[in-house]
């Protein structure tokens, strides 16, 4: 890399961690030209795109051509590379803080977001008065992403939850026993789906206590809100800029992978990851 590094670039330690997980291509393929672009610069460009939020054609010229970067963005989505990276890095990040590789509890929630230029599959969330799309994510008890589905904003949360939970195979999460959710997921069709597909975990509905008007962290459910806050640091997720929901899901996965790498191999002096809620200040009499 013969250029000045960007803040989103991989360090040598981070690259060493994910390089073995990327698809290998022979330097002399039987058909077509041999690959001339380094994979590390491709990954750096994709992290830059998610973190800084530029358009594909506006990628800095010291990266590989934008079309080449976008092709890898699509190819690694089609062959499952992004999900593979996520599934490998998540247990490592959990083990780093003394947790078991797989979670025993998870949380699910949705976030309505606007799109920039429309695109496929968009609607209106009548409850939140937000148009366009909705992100549905499932996270473990530490807030690390497990699964994501992007739908039109008018799709019911309980209906989209079926597609999210369908990505969670029992053999990959043998310890998972409970999924925390809010009252939007109290849906009998979802309960029937869980029973028919024999999911080994139960859905736990957690609601705010009656009469409570202030913000109150609820068991496990608050971690998914923190995950959305982590994703808010990535300008590529400030809106839904992608044309298709599948591409939107890929950007969410890339942001989650970049976040996990920062935790596993932090740049410079490692900062404490402990999270604390701010106490309510007493109003002066």
C-alpha atoms as a PDB file:
ATOM      1  CA  UNK A   1       0.000   0.000   0.000  1.00  0.00           C
ATOM      2  CA  UNK A   2       1.768   3.081  -1.282  1.00  0.00           C
ATOM      3  CA  UNK A   3      -0.594   5.746  -0.025  1.00  0.00           C
ATOM      4  CA  UNK A   4      -1.548   7.598   3.137  1.00  0.00           C
ATOM      5  CA  UNK A   5      -3.839   5.352   5.209  1.00  0.00           C
ATOM      6  CA  UNK A   6      -7.469   6.232   5.913  1.00  0.00           C
ATOM      7  CA  UNK A   7      -8.979   5.831   9.415  1.00  0.00           C
ATOM      8  CA  UNK A   8     -11.068   2.883   8.202  1.00  0.00           C
ATOM      9  CA  UNK A   9      -8.086   0.941   6.791  1.00  0.00           C
ATOM     10  CA  UNK A  10      -7.121  -2.444   8.188  1.00  0.00           C
ATOM     11  CA  UNK A  11      -4.043  -2.731  10.335  1.00  0.00           C
ATOM     12  CA  UNK A  12      -1.555  -5.533   9.702  1.00  0.00           C
ATOM     13  CA  UNK A  13      -2.969  -7.462  12.680  1.00  0.00           C
ATOM     14  CA  UNK A  14      -6.542  -7.110  11.450  1.00  0.00           C
ATOM     15  CA  UNK A  15      -5.600  -8.166   7.924  1.00  0.00           C
ATOM     16  CA  UNK A  16      -3.799 -11.236   9.259  1.00  0.00           C
ATOM     17  CA  UNK A  17      -7.020 -12.171  11.035  1.00  0.00           C
ATOM     18  CA  UNK A  18      -9.320 -12.128   8.001  1.00  0.00           C
ATOM     19  CA  UNK A  19      -6.984 -12.913   5.098  1.00  0.00           C
ATOM     20  CA  UNK A  20      -7.300 -16.727   5.480  1.00  0.00           C
ATOM     21  CA  UNK A  21     -11.110 -16.385   5.415  1.00  0.00           C
ATOM     22  CA  UNK A  22     -11.317 -14.692   2.005  1.00  0.00           C
ATOM     23  CA  UNK A  23     -11.889 -16.766  -1.139  1.00  0.00           C
ATOM     24  CA  UNK A  24      -8.661 -17.768  -2.812  1.00  0.00           C
ATOM     25  CA  UNK A  25      -8.245 -17.387  -6.570  1.00  0.00           C
ATOM     26  CA  UNK A  26      -5.437 -19.029  -8.499  1.00  0.00           C
ATOM     27  CA  UNK A  27      -2.925 -16.607  -9.932  1.00  0.00           C
ATOM     28  CA  UNK A  28      -3.214 -18.457 -13.213  1.00  0.00           C
ATOM     29  CA  UNK A  29      -6.886 -19.315 -13.709  1.00  0.00           C
ATOM     30  CA  UNK A  30      -7.853 -21.607 -16.535  1.00  0.00           C
ATOM     31  CA  UNK A  31     -10.065 -18.958 -18.074  1.00  0.00           C
ATOM     32  CA  UNK A  32      -9.867 -15.180 -17.940  1.00  0.00           C
ATOM     33  CA  UNK A  33      -7.122 -12.844 -16.875  1.00  0.00           C
ATOM     34  CA  UNK A  34      -5.226 -13.388 -13.605  1.00  0.00           C
ATOM     35  CA  UNK A  35      -6.205 -11.144 -10.735  1.00  0.00           C
ATOM     36  CA  UNK A  36      -4.131  -7.977 -10.551  1.00  0.00           C
ATOM     37  CA  UNK A  37      -5.821  -6.200  -7.617  1.00  0.00           C
ATOM     38  CA  UNK A  38      -4.760  -6.895  -4.046  1.00  0.00           C
ATOM     39  CA  UNK A  39      -7.560  -8.150  -1.807  1.00  0.00           C
ATOM     40  CA  UNK A  40      -6.443  -5.978   1.091  1.00  0.00           C
ATOM     41  CA  UNK A  41      -7.077  -2.816  -0.913  1.00  0.00           C
ATOM     42  CA  UNK A  42     -10.473  -4.179  -1.959  1.00  0.00           C
ATOM     43  CA  UNK A  43     -11.432  -4.735   1.680  1.00  0.00           C
ATOM     44  CA  UNK A  44     -10.095  -1.302   2.661  1.00  0.00           C
ATOM     45  CA  UNK A  45     -12.223   0.302  -0.053  1.00  0.00           C
ATOM     46  CA  UNK A  46     -15.344  -1.538   1.107  1.00  0.00           C
ATOM     47  CA  UNK A  47     -14.781  -0.507   4.734  1.00  0.00           C
ATOM     48  CA  UNK A  48     -14.198   3.073   3.578  1.00  0.00           C
ATOM     49  CA  UNK A  49     -17.467   3.007   1.641  1.00  0.00           C
ATOM     50  CA  UNK A  50     -19.437   1.830   4.690  1.00  0.00           C
ATOM     51  CA  UNK A  51     -17.688   4.078   7.196  1.00  0.00           C
ATOM     52  CA  UNK A  52     -17.550   7.328   5.225  1.00  0.00           C
ATOM     53  CA  UNK A  53     -20.758   6.895   3.247  1.00  0.00           C
ATOM     54  CA  UNK A  54     -19.621   7.960  -0.228  1.00  0.00           C
ATOM     55  CA  UNK A  55     -21.176   6.765  -3.474  1.00  0.00           C
ATOM     56  CA  UNK A  56     -19.491   3.962  -5.369  1.00  0.00           C
ATOM     57  CA  UNK A  57     -18.269   6.258  -8.124  1.00  0.00           C
ATOM     58  CA  UNK A  58     -16.902   8.704  -5.522  1.00  0.00           C
ATOM     59  CA  UNK A  59     -14.423   6.234  -4.006  1.00  0.00           C
ATOM     60  CA  UNK A  60     -10.980   7.891  -3.741  1.00  0.00           C
ATOM     61  CA  UNK A  61      -8.821   7.275  -6.792  1.00  0.00           C
ATOM     62  CA  UNK A  62      -6.018   5.708  -4.766  1.00  0.00           C
ATOM     63  CA  UNK A  63      -8.330   2.703  -4.265  1.00  0.00           C
ATOM     64  CA  UNK A  64      -8.911   0.166  -7.064  1.00  0.00           C
ATOM     65  CA  UNK A  65     -11.521   1.151  -9.689  1.00  0.00           C
ATOM     66  CA  UNK A  66     -14.988   1.500  -8.173  1.00  0.00           C
ATOM     67  CA  UNK A  67     -16.483  -1.127 -10.479  1.00  0.00           C
ATOM     68  CA  UNK A  68     -13.915  -3.676  -9.344  1.00  0.00           C
ATOM     69  CA  UNK A  69     -14.685  -2.885  -5.694  1.00  0.00           C
ATOM     70  CA  UNK A  70     -18.419  -3.161  -6.329  1.00  0.00           C
ATOM     71  CA  UNK A  71     -17.975  -6.508  -8.084  1.00  0.00           C
ATOM     72  CA  UNK A  72     -16.271  -7.956  -5.007  1.00  0.00           C
ATOM     73  CA  UNK A  73     -19.020  -6.418  -2.862  1.00  0.00           C
ATOM     74  CA  UNK A  74     -21.563  -8.462  -4.840  1.00  0.00           C
ATOM     75  CA  UNK A  75     -19.521 -11.626  -5.334  1.00  0.00           C
ATOM     76  CA  UNK A  76     -18.785 -12.023  -1.629  1.00  0.00           C
ATOM     77  CA  UNK A  77     -22.447 -11.516  -0.872  1.00  0.00           C
ATOM     78  CA  UNK A  78     -23.526 -14.195  -3.339  1.00  0.00           C
ATOM     79  CA  UNK A  79     -21.022 -16.797  -2.103  1.00  0.00           C
ATOM     80  CA  UNK A  80     -21.652 -16.050   1.602  1.00  0.00           C
ATOM     81  CA  UNK A  81     -18.201 -14.649   2.381  1.00  0.00           C
ATOM     82  CA  UNK A  82     -19.533 -11.722   4.431  1.00  0.00           C
ATOM     83  CA  UNK A  83     -21.680 -13.991   6.592  1.00  0.00           C
ATOM     84  CA  UNK A  84     -18.748 -16.376   6.984  1.00  0.00           C
ATOM     85  CA  UNK A  85     -16.523 -13.558   8.261  1.00  0.00           C
ATOM     86  CA  UNK A  86     -19.236 -12.520  10.689  1.00  0.00           C
ATOM     87  CA  UNK A  87     -19.723 -16.067  11.989  1.00  0.00           C
ATOM     88  CA  UNK A  88     -15.965 -16.539  12.531  1.00  0.00           C
ATOM     89  CA  UNK A  89     -15.197 -13.170  14.142  1.00  0.00           C
ATOM     90  CA  UNK A  90     -18.197 -13.139  16.513  1.00  0.00           C
ATOM     91  CA  UNK A  91     -17.064 -16.161  18.619  1.00  0.00           C
ATOM     92  CA  UNK A  92     -13.537 -14.715  18.756  1.00  0.00           C
ATOM     93  CA  UNK A  93     -14.873 -11.406  20.062  1.00  0.00           C
ATOM     94  CA  UNK A  94     -17.003 -13.207  22.648  1.00  0.00           C
ATOM     95  CA  UNK A  95     -14.049 -15.313  23.801  1.00  0.00           C
ATOM     96  CA  UNK A  96     -11.936 -12.152  24.154  1.00  0.00           C
ATOM     97  CA  UNK A  97     -14.239 -10.917  26.939  1.00  0.00           C
ATOM     98  CA  UNK A  98     -14.543 -14.305  28.617  1.00  0.00           C
ATOM     99  CA  UNK A  99     -17.830 -15.478  27.103  1.00  0.00           C
ATOM    100  CA  UNK A 100     -18.737 -18.784  25.485  1.00  0.00           C
ATOM    101  CA  UNK A 101     -18.359 -18.859  21.687  1.00  0.00           C
ATOM    102  CA  UNK A 102     -22.120 -19.131  21.134  1.00  0.00           C
ATOM    103  CA  UNK A 103     -24.761 -17.131  23.047  1.00  0.00           C
ATOM    104  CA  UNK A 104     -27.502 -18.476  25.275  1.00  0.00           C
ATOM    105  CA  UNK A 105     -29.670 -15.371  24.768  1.00  0.00           C
ATOM    106  CA  UNK A 106     -30.306 -13.022  21.865  1.00  0.00           C
ATOM    107  CA  UNK A 107     -32.423  -9.966  21.075  1.00  0.00           C
ATOM    108  CA  UNK A 108     -34.360  -8.935  17.978  1.00  0.00           C
ATOM    109  CA  UNK A 109     -35.623  -5.537  16.903  1.00  0.00           C
ATOM    110  CA  UNK A 110     -36.256  -3.367  13.845  1.00  0.00           C
ATOM    111  CA  UNK A 111     -35.259   0.110  12.687  1.00  0.00           C
ATOM    112  CA  UNK A 112     -37.117   2.156  10.093  1.00  0.00           C
ATOM    113  CA  UNK A 113     -34.855   4.155   7.777  1.00  0.00           C
ATOM    114  CA  UNK A 114     -35.362   6.429   4.818  1.00  0.00           C
ATOM    115  CA  UNK A 115     -33.913   5.695   1.409  1.00  0.00           C
ATOM    116  CA  UNK A 116     -32.044   8.256  -0.629  1.00  0.00           C
ATOM    117  CA  UNK A 117     -33.358   7.504  -4.117  1.00  0.00           C
ATOM    118  CA  UNK A 118     -36.093   4.961  -3.675  1.00  0.00           C
ATOM    119  CA  UNK A 119     -35.057   1.585  -5.058  1.00  0.00           C
ATOM    120  CA  UNK A 120     -36.737  -1.787  -4.790  1.00  0.00           C
ATOM    121  CA  UNK A 121     -39.082  -2.734  -1.930  1.00  0.00           C
ATOM    122  CA  UNK A 122     -40.138   0.332  -0.026  1.00  0.00           C
ATOM    123  CA  UNK A 123     -43.229   1.287   1.951  1.00  0.00           C
ATOM    124  CA  UNK A 124     -44.443   3.316   4.937  1.00  0.00           C
ATOM    125  CA  UNK A 125     -44.170   2.421   8.606  1.00  0.00           C
ATOM    126  CA  UNK A 126     -47.491   3.709   9.925  1.00  0.00           C
ATOM    127  CA  UNK A 127     -46.455   3.515  13.555  1.00  0.00           C
ATOM    128  CA  UNK A 128     -43.255   5.553  13.263  1.00  0.00           C
ATOM    129  CA  UNK A 129     -44.399   7.631  10.273  1.00  0.00           C
ATOM    130  CA  UNK A 130     -41.242   6.713   8.356  1.00  0.00           C
ATOM    131  CA  UNK A 131     -41.239   5.829   4.664  1.00  0.00           C
ATOM    132  CA  UNK A 132     -39.093   3.464   2.651  1.00  0.00           C
ATOM    133  CA  UNK A 133     -37.359   0.520   4.435  1.00  0.00           C
ATOM    134  CA  UNK A 134     -36.871  -1.311   7.704  1.00  0.00           C
ATOM    135  CA  UNK A 135     -33.817  -3.156   9.081  1.00  0.00           C
ATOM    136  CA  UNK A 136     -34.471  -6.228  11.204  1.00  0.00           C
ATOM    137  CA  UNK A 137     -31.479  -7.532  13.165  1.00  0.00           C
ATOM    138  CA  UNK A 138     -30.792 -10.305  15.638  1.00  0.00           C
ATOM    139  CA  UNK A 139     -27.873  -9.804  18.046  1.00  0.00           C
ATOM    140  CA  UNK A 140     -26.342 -11.839  20.857  1.00  0.00           C
ATOM    141  CA  UNK A 141     -26.215 -10.725  24.490  1.00  0.00           C
ATOM    142  CA  UNK A 142     -23.146  -8.570  23.746  1.00  0.00           C
ATOM    143  CA  UNK A 143     -24.771  -6.804  20.808  1.00  0.00           C
ATOM    144  CA  UNK A 144     -22.806  -8.591  18.080  1.00  0.00           C
ATOM    145  CA  UNK A 145     -24.747  -9.136  14.866  1.00  0.00           C
ATOM    146  CA  UNK A 146     -26.074 -12.615  14.120  1.00  0.00           C
ATOM    147  CA  UNK A 147     -28.560 -12.070  11.284  1.00  0.00           C
ATOM    148  CA  UNK A 148     -30.064  -9.174   9.322  1.00  0.00           C
ATOM    149  CA  UNK A 149     -33.007  -8.805   6.943  1.00  0.00           C
ATOM    150  CA  UNK A 150     -34.034  -5.606   5.127  1.00  0.00           C
ATOM    151  CA  UNK A 151     -37.655  -5.215   4.026  1.00  0.00           C
ATOM    152  CA  UNK A 152     -40.088  -2.516   3.019  1.00  0.00           C
ATOM    153  CA  UNK A 153     -41.084  -0.368   5.982  1.00  0.00           C
ATOM    154  CA  UNK A 154     -44.698  -1.577   5.877  1.00  0.00           C
ATOM    155  CA  UNK A 155     -43.750  -5.211   6.546  1.00  0.00           C
ATOM    156  CA  UNK A 156     -44.845  -6.354   9.989  1.00  0.00           C
ATOM    157  CA  UNK A 157     -42.019  -7.005  12.446  1.00  0.00           C
ATOM    158  CA  UNK A 158     -43.357 -10.424  13.415  1.00  0.00           C
ATOM    159  CA  UNK A 159     -43.538 -11.454   9.757  1.00  0.00           C
ATOM    160  CA  UNK A 160     -39.967 -10.315   9.055  1.00  0.00           C
ATOM    161  CA  UNK A 161     -38.808 -12.072  12.231  1.00  0.00           C
ATOM    162  CA  UNK A 162     -39.502 -15.393  10.544  1.00  0.00           C
ATOM    163  CA  UNK A 163     -36.932 -14.602   7.852  1.00  0.00           C
ATOM    164  CA  UNK A 164     -34.438 -13.410  10.466  1.00  0.00           C
ATOM    165  CA  UNK A 165     -34.809 -16.445  12.724  1.00  0.00           C
ATOM    166  CA  UNK A 166     -34.694 -18.781   9.719  1.00  0.00           C
ATOM    167  CA  UNK A 167     -31.005 -17.847   9.382  1.00  0.00           C
ATOM    168  CA  UNK A 168     -30.291 -19.143  12.907  1.00  0.00           C
ATOM    169  CA  UNK A 169     -29.618 -22.855  12.590  1.00  0.00           C
ATOM    170  CA  UNK A 170     -29.724 -24.940  15.733  1.00  0.00           C
ATOM    171  CA  UNK A 171     -26.435 -26.702  14.989  1.00  0.00           C
ATOM    172  CA  UNK A 172     -24.655 -23.320  14.834  1.00  0.00           C
ATOM    173  CA  UNK A 173     -26.223 -22.008  18.064  1.00  0.00           C
ATOM    174  CA  UNK A 174     -26.674 -25.029  20.350  1.00  0.00           C
ATOM    175  CA  UNK A 175     -26.791 -22.914  23.548  1.00  0.00           C
ATOM    176  CA  UNK A 176     -29.449 -20.437  22.375  1.00  0.00           C
ATOM    177  CA  UNK A 177     -32.485 -20.756  24.639  1.00  0.00           C
ATOM    178  CA  UNK A 178     -34.311 -17.405  24.598  1.00  0.00           C
ATOM    179  CA  UNK A 179     -34.794 -14.493  22.193  1.00  0.00           C
ATOM    180  CA  UNK A 180     -35.861 -11.209  23.804  1.00  0.00           C
ATOM    181  CA  UNK A 181     -38.205  -8.903  21.901  1.00  0.00           C
ATOM    182  CA  UNK A 182     -40.696  -6.099  22.437  1.00  0.00           C
ATOM    183  CA  UNK A 183     -44.484  -6.261  22.221  1.00  0.00           C
ATOM    184  CA  UNK A 184     -44.457  -5.948  18.406  1.00  0.00           C
ATOM    185  CA  UNK A 185     -43.359  -9.588  18.262  1.00  0.00           C
ATOM    186  CA  UNK A 186     -46.271 -10.853  20.379  1.00  0.00           C
ATOM    187  CA  UNK A 187     -47.825 -12.531  17.365  1.00  0.00           C
ATOM    188  CA  UNK A 188     -49.498 -15.933  17.216  1.00  0.00           C
ATOM    189  CA  UNK A 189     -48.419 -16.549  13.618  1.00  0.00           C
ATOM    190  CA  UNK A 190     -44.806 -16.138  14.760  1.00  0.00           C
ATOM    191  CA  UNK A 191     -45.399 -18.525  17.660  1.00  0.00           C
ATOM    192  CA  UNK A 192     -46.888 -21.064  15.249  1.00  0.00           C
ATOM    193  CA  UNK A 193     -43.889 -20.656  12.927  1.00  0.00           C
ATOM    194  CA  UNK A 194     -41.481 -21.343  15.793  1.00  0.00           C
ATOM    195  CA  UNK A 195     -43.438 -24.444  16.758  1.00  0.00           C
ATOM    196  CA  UNK A 196     -43.721 -25.814  13.202  1.00  0.00           C
ATOM    197  CA  UNK A 197     -40.007 -25.286  12.514  1.00  0.00           C
ATOM    198  CA  UNK A 198     -39.080 -26.737  15.927  1.00  0.00           C
ATOM    199  CA  UNK A 199     -36.869 -23.921  17.086  1.00  0.00           C
ATOM    200  CA  UNK A 200     -35.157 -24.873  20.391  1.00  0.00           C
ATOM    201  CA  UNK A 201     -35.592 -21.406  21.920  1.00  0.00           C
ATOM    202  CA  UNK A 202     -38.533 -19.404  23.183  1.00  0.00           C
ATOM    203  CA  UNK A 203     -39.563 -15.835  22.461  1.00  0.00           C
ATOM    204  CA  UNK A 204     -39.538 -13.655  25.588  1.00  0.00           C
ATOM    205  CA  UNK A 205     -41.600 -10.455  25.321  1.00  0.00           C
ATOM    206  CA  UNK A 206     -40.211  -7.662  27.504  1.00  0.00           C
ATOM    207  CA  UNK A 207     -42.235  -4.476  27.881  1.00  0.00           C
ATOM    208  CA  UNK A 208     -41.748  -1.229  29.747  1.00  0.00           C
ATOM    209  CA  UNK A 209     -43.337  -1.199  33.240  1.00  0.00           C
ATOM    210  CA  UNK A 210     -46.720   0.465  33.452  1.00  0.00           C
ATOM    211  CA  UNK A 211     -46.531   4.140  34.304  1.00  0.00           C
ATOM    212  CA  UNK A 212     -42.849   4.409  33.348  1.00  0.00           C
ATOM    213  CA  UNK A 213     -42.268   7.467  31.135  1.00  0.00           C
ATOM    214  CA  UNK A 214     -38.504   7.827  31.337  1.00  0.00           C
ATOM    215  CA  UNK A 215     -35.959   5.705  29.516  1.00  0.00           C
ATOM    216  CA  UNK A 216     -35.425   2.445  31.353  1.00  0.00           C
ATOM    217  CA  UNK A 217     -33.024  -0.274  30.145  1.00  0.00           C
ATOM    218  CA  UNK A 218     -34.850  -3.578  29.793  1.00  0.00           C
ATOM    219  CA  UNK A 219     -33.204  -6.993  30.231  1.00  0.00           C
ATOM    220  CA  UNK A 220     -31.071  -7.914  27.187  1.00  0.00           C
ATOM    221  CA  UNK A 221     -33.366  -5.909  24.915  1.00  0.00           C
ATOM    222  CA  UNK A 222     -31.293  -2.765  25.363  1.00  0.00           C
ATOM    223  CA  UNK A 223     -28.253  -4.338  23.682  1.00  0.00           C
ATOM    224  CA  UNK A 224     -29.938  -4.288  20.277  1.00  0.00           C
ATOM    225  CA  UNK A 225     -30.497  -0.546  20.662  1.00  0.00           C
ATOM    226  CA  UNK A 226     -26.797  -0.175  21.392  1.00  0.00           C
ATOM    227  CA  UNK A 227     -26.018  -2.126  18.230  1.00  0.00           C
ATOM    228  CA  UNK A 228     -28.037   0.387  16.225  1.00  0.00           C
ATOM    229  CA  UNK A 229     -26.003   3.120  17.920  1.00  0.00           C
ATOM    230  CA  UNK A 230     -22.771   1.391  16.840  1.00  0.00           C
ATOM    231  CA  UNK A 231     -24.077   1.224  13.283  1.00  0.00           C
ATOM    232  CA  UNK A 232     -24.947   4.912  13.447  1.00  0.00           C
ATOM    233  CA  UNK A 233     -21.212   5.652  13.386  1.00  0.00           C
ATOM    234  CA  UNK A 234     -21.125   4.338   9.825  1.00  0.00           C
ATOM    235  CA  UNK A 235     -22.333   7.050   7.481  1.00  0.00           C
ATOM    236  CA  UNK A 236     -23.213   4.503   4.840  1.00  0.00           C
ATOM    237  CA  UNK A 237     -26.049   3.445   7.181  1.00  0.00           C
ATOM    238  CA  UNK A 238     -27.370   6.929   7.989  1.00  0.00           C
ATOM    239  CA  UNK A 239     -29.901   6.248   5.229  1.00  0.00           C
ATOM    240  CA  UNK A 240     -30.514   3.302   2.964  1.00  0.00           C
ATOM    241  CA  UNK A 241     -28.520   4.273  -0.110  1.00  0.00           C
ATOM    242  CA  UNK A 242     -28.608   0.871  -1.823  1.00  0.00           C
ATOM    243  CA  UNK A 243     -30.934  -0.015  -4.690  1.00  0.00           C
ATOM    244  CA  UNK A 244     -31.830  -3.496  -3.427  1.00  0.00           C
ATOM    245  CA  UNK A 245     -32.538  -4.836   0.080  1.00  0.00           C
ATOM    246  CA  UNK A 246     -29.869  -7.506  -0.416  1.00  0.00           C
ATOM    247  CA  UNK A 247     -27.187  -4.850  -0.919  1.00  0.00           C
ATOM    248  CA  UNK A 248     -28.470  -3.018   2.169  1.00  0.00           C
ATOM    249  CA  UNK A 249     -28.060  -6.188   4.225  1.00  0.00           C
ATOM    250  CA  UNK A 250     -24.505  -6.530   2.960  1.00  0.00           C
ATOM    251  CA  UNK A 251     -23.588  -2.994   4.106  1.00  0.00           C
ATOM    252  CA  UNK A 252     -24.930  -3.819   7.583  1.00  0.00           C
ATOM    253  CA  UNK A 253     -22.777  -6.967   7.682  1.00  0.00           C
ATOM    254  CA  UNK A 254     -19.674  -5.075   6.510  1.00  0.00           C
ATOM    255  CA  UNK A 255     -20.154  -2.474   9.258  1.00  0.00           C
ATOM    256  CA  UNK A 256     -20.562  -5.258  11.848  1.00  0.00           C
ATOM    257  CA  UNK A 257     -17.394  -7.006  10.606  1.00  0.00           C
ATOM    258  CA  UNK A 258     -15.408  -3.772  10.783  1.00  0.00           C
ATOM    259  CA  UNK A 259     -16.672  -3.204  14.330  1.00  0.00           C
ATOM    260  CA  UNK A 260     -15.645  -6.717  15.391  1.00  0.00           C
ATOM    261  CA  UNK A 261     -12.164  -6.219  13.944  1.00  0.00           C
ATOM    262  CA  UNK A 262     -11.785  -3.005  15.933  1.00  0.00           C
ATOM    263  CA  UNK A 263     -12.618  -4.933  19.087  1.00  0.00           C
ATOM    264  CA  UNK A 264     -10.388  -7.901  18.343  1.00  0.00           C
ATOM    265  CA  UNK A 265      -7.375  -5.911  17.132  1.00  0.00           C
ATOM    266  CA  UNK A 266      -7.872  -2.303  18.302  1.00  0.00           C
ATOM    267  CA  UNK A 267      -5.754   0.443  16.806  1.00  0.00           C
ATOM    268  CA  UNK A 268      -3.323   2.091  19.194  1.00  0.00           C
ATOM    269  CA  UNK A 269      -4.137   1.967  22.881  1.00  0.00           C
ATOM    270  CA  UNK A 270      -7.133  -0.235  23.606  1.00  0.00           C
ATOM    271  CA  UNK A 271     -10.003   1.563  25.245  1.00  0.00           C
ATOM    272  CA  UNK A 272     -12.358   0.059  27.792  1.00  0.00           C
ATOM    273  CA  UNK A 273     -15.448  -1.526  26.245  1.00  0.00           C
ATOM    274  CA  UNK A 274     -17.456  -1.339  29.435  1.00  0.00           C
ATOM    275  CA  UNK A 275     -20.840   0.295  28.919  1.00  0.00           C
ATOM    276  CA  UNK A 276     -22.574   2.467  31.483  1.00  0.00           C
ATOM    277  CA  UNK A 277     -25.934   4.173  31.426  1.00  0.00           C
ATOM    278  CA  UNK A 278     -25.998   7.844  32.302  1.00  0.00           C
ATOM    279  CA  UNK A 279     -27.787   8.576  35.537  1.00  0.00           C
ATOM    280  CA  UNK A 280     -30.776  10.866  35.513  1.00  0.00           C
ATOM    281  CA  UNK A 281     -29.881  14.288  36.830  1.00  0.00           C
ATOM    282  CA  UNK A 282     -32.054  15.718  39.569  1.00  0.00           C
ATOM    283  CA  UNK A 283     -33.791  18.899  38.600  1.00  0.00           C
ATOM    284  CA  UNK A 284     -33.038  21.843  40.869  1.00  0.00           C
ATOM    285  CA  UNK A 285     -35.878  22.783  43.164  1.00  0.00           C
END
